[in-house]
Every structure is written in structure tokens, then in C-alpha cells.
Amino acid sequence: MRSRLVFSIIGFAALAVPVVAQAQNIESVTSLISSLVNYTIGILIGVAIIAFFWGLISYMFKTKGDQEGRKTATNLMVWGILAIFIMLSVFGLVRLLQNTFNVGGGSLQQVGGAPSIGDNRIKQQQR
């Protein structure tokens, strides 16, 4: 189990090497990292919201006699709300640090737009 985690981290780092090597300066690297953190936090917030609503729906459909099922659903809702609170707090702290140190990641890229690394736009070929 532990070796899989190590190999996964090494594999992810190996995939990230060309992106970091293409960077022109340290600002583009920090901008890339902050963008990845922002996207990851957004995805995790979505998972926490889904977990909360899954607990809510399972709580509503449990019968009054199924106390163990209701308790499990209640715990899922509580942990979902706690996870949402923690992740939104982390997201706020990340945004505060980005604004404090004037690091990129302040704007989200629209779908279909030209990909960018920092402030450098990658040219796309016209078909």
C-alpha cells in the first residue's frame, strides 16, 4: 500500500516536470501551483457537498425503526458540513495568501479558451 502511494507521487511528479521546465520564471511556477490548488479545493468542495446530500437523502428514506441507518446518515451529514466548512476556510486562506503575496491564480480559465501558464498564453493552431 505504501509503495503504491510512493510510486503514485513519483509518477505525478514526473508528469509535472515538463510543465515546470517550460516555466519562464518563478512567478509562472507559483501561478501554476496556486491554480492547481484552487481547482483541487473546488473539486473537494463538490465531493463534500455530494456527501452531505447523500447523507440527507439516505436519512429521509430510512424508516423510523432503522436507528442505526439514521445514525450513519446523520454522521455523514455532519462530516459533510464539517468538510465543507474546513475546505471553504482553506480556500479563503489560500486566496488571502495569493492576494497578499500578489501570486497568480486570481482568474479562472474559461472552457475552450487558450491554455495558459502564468501570463503566457499558448498559441493554438487554426484549422
Protein backbone atom coordinates (compact mmCIF):
# COMPACT_ATOMS: atom_id res chain seq x y z
CA MET A 1 0.00 0.00 0.00
CA ARG A 2 2.74 2.42 0.98
CA SER A 3 4.81 1.60 -2.12
CA ARG A 4 1.80 2.37 -4.35
CA LEU A 5 1.48 5.79 -2.75
CA VAL A 6 5.18 6.49 -3.24
CA PHE A 7 5.04 5.38 -6.87
CA SER A 8 1.93 7.50 -7.44
CA ILE A 9 3.64 10.58 -6.05
CA ILE A 10 6.77 9.92 -8.13
CA GLY A 11 4.63 9.38 -11.23
CA PHE A 12 2.71 12.61 -10.68
CA ALA A 13 5.97 14.50 -10.12
CA ALA A 14 7.39 13.02 -13.34
CA LEU A 15 4.33 14.22 -15.24
CA ALA A 16 4.68 17.69 -13.77
CA VAL A 17 8.37 18.10 -14.69
CA PRO A 18 7.79 19.30 -18.30
CA VAL A 19 5.29 21.90 -17.12
CA VAL A 20 7.73 23.28 -14.56
CA ALA A 21 10.62 23.11 -17.04
CA GLN A 22 8.62 25.18 -19.54
CA ALA A 23 8.16 27.93 -16.98
CA GLN A 24 9.94 31.18 -17.73
CA ASN A 25 10.27 32.38 -14.15
CA ILE A 26 9.26 31.61 -10.59
CA GLU A 27 6.02 33.61 -10.89
CA SER A 28 4.65 31.30 -13.56
CA VAL A 29 5.50 28.25 -11.43
CA THR A 30 3.77 29.71 -8.36
CA SER A 31 0.82 30.73 -10.51
CA LEU A 32 0.54 27.19 -11.85
CA ILE A 33 0.71 25.69 -8.36
CA SER A 34 -1.87 28.10 -6.98
CA SER A 35 -4.21 27.34 -9.90
CA LEU A 36 -3.87 23.61 -9.23
CA VAL A 37 -4.61 24.16 -5.54
CA ASN A 38 -7.69 26.24 -6.44
CA TYR A 39 -9.04 23.55 -8.79
CA THR A 40 -8.36 20.79 -6.26
CA ILE A 41 -10.15 22.65 -3.48
CA GLY A 42 -13.11 23.26 -5.79
CA ILE A 43 -13.36 19.56 -6.63
CA LEU A 44 -13.11 18.56 -2.96
CA ILE A 45 -15.83 21.05 -2.01
CA GLY A 46 -18.04 19.45 -4.66
CA VAL A 47 -17.37 15.98 -3.23
CA ALA A 48 -18.21 17.21 0.29
CA ILE A 49 -21.49 18.71 -0.94
CA ILE A 50 -22.39 15.45 -2.66
CA ALA A 51 -21.59 13.53 0.55
CA PHE A 52 -23.82 15.86 2.57
CA PHE A 53 -26.76 15.47 0.21
CA TRP A 54 -26.20 11.70 0.04
CA GLY A 55 -26.49 11.60 3.83
CA LEU A 56 -29.59 13.82 3.72
CA ILE A 57 -31.35 11.66 1.13
CA SER A 58 -30.44 8.43 2.92
CA TYR A 59 -31.68 9.93 6.21
CA MET A 60 -35.02 10.88 4.65
CA PHE A 61 -35.59 7.40 3.21
CA LYS A 62 -34.69 5.43 6.35
CA THR A 63 -37.62 4.19 8.39
CA LYS A 64 -38.03 5.27 11.99
CA GLY A 65 -37.23 1.73 13.13
CA ASP A 66 -33.81 1.76 11.42
CA GLN A 67 -31.95 3.80 14.07
CA GLU A 68 -28.53 2.52 13.01
CA GLY A 69 -29.09 3.63 9.40
CA ARG A 70 -30.33 7.04 10.54
CA LYS A 71 -27.32 7.46 12.80
CA THR A 72 -24.96 6.62 9.92
CA ALA A 73 -26.75 9.11 7.66
CA THR A 74 -26.61 11.79 10.38
CA ASN A 75 -22.88 11.22 10.82
CA LEU A 76 -22.38 11.53 7.05
CA MET A 77 -24.25 14.86 7.03
CA VAL A 78 -22.25 16.20 9.98
CA TRP A 79 -18.93 15.18 8.42
CA GLY A 80 -20.05 16.66 5.08
CA ILE A 81 -20.85 20.02 6.69
CA LEU A 82 -17.57 19.94 8.64
CA ALA A 83 -15.62 19.16 5.45
CA ILE A 84 -17.34 21.98 3.57
CA PHE A 85 -16.53 24.42 6.37
CA ILE A 86 -12.88 23.38 6.56
CA MET A 87 -12.35 23.47 2.80
CA LEU A 88 -14.01 26.85 2.39
CA SER A 89 -11.77 28.13 5.19
CA VAL A 90 -8.69 26.73 3.44
CA PHE A 91 -9.88 28.23 0.15
CA GLY A 92 -10.27 31.61 1.85
CA LEU A 93 -6.79 31.37 3.37
CA VAL A 94 -5.29 30.42 0.00
CA ARG A 95 -6.98 33.38 -1.68
CA LEU A 96 -5.80 35.68 1.14
CA LEU A 97 -2.21 34.49 0.71
CA GLN A 98 -2.47 34.85 -3.09
CA ASN A 99 -3.64 38.43 -2.74
CA THR A 100 -1.10 39.21 -0.02
CA PHE A 101 1.91 37.96 -1.99
CA ASN A 102 0.48 39.00 -5.38
CA VAL A 103 0.65 35.47 -6.74
CA GLY A 104 -1.36 34.43 -9.81
CA GLY A 105 -4.42 32.24 -9.95
CA GLY A 106 -6.82 35.13 -9.48
CA SER A 107 -8.80 34.44 -12.64
CA LEU A 108 -10.33 31.19 -13.77
CA GLN A 109 -9.78 29.98 -17.30
CA GLN A 110 -12.92 29.63 -19.38
CA VAL A 111 -13.64 26.36 -21.15
CA GLY A 112 -12.47 26.48 -24.75
CA GLY A 113 -10.05 29.32 -24.16
CA ALA A 114 -6.37 29.19 -24.91
CA PRO A 115 -4.49 27.37 -22.16
CA SER A 116 -2.02 29.45 -20.23
CA ILE A 117 0.84 29.02 -17.82
CA GLY A 118 1.02 32.14 -15.69
CA ASP A 119 0.59 35.10 -18.02
CA ASN A 120 1.96 33.27 -21.09
CA ARG A 121 -0.78 32.20 -23.50
CA ILE A 122 -0.12 29.09 -25.58
CA LYS A 123 -0.88 29.65 -29.24
CA GLN A 124 -3.42 27.32 -30.80
CA GLN A 125 -3.33 26.37 -34.45
CA GLN A 126 -6.24 27.46 -36.62
CA ARG A 127 -7.97 24.69 -38.56
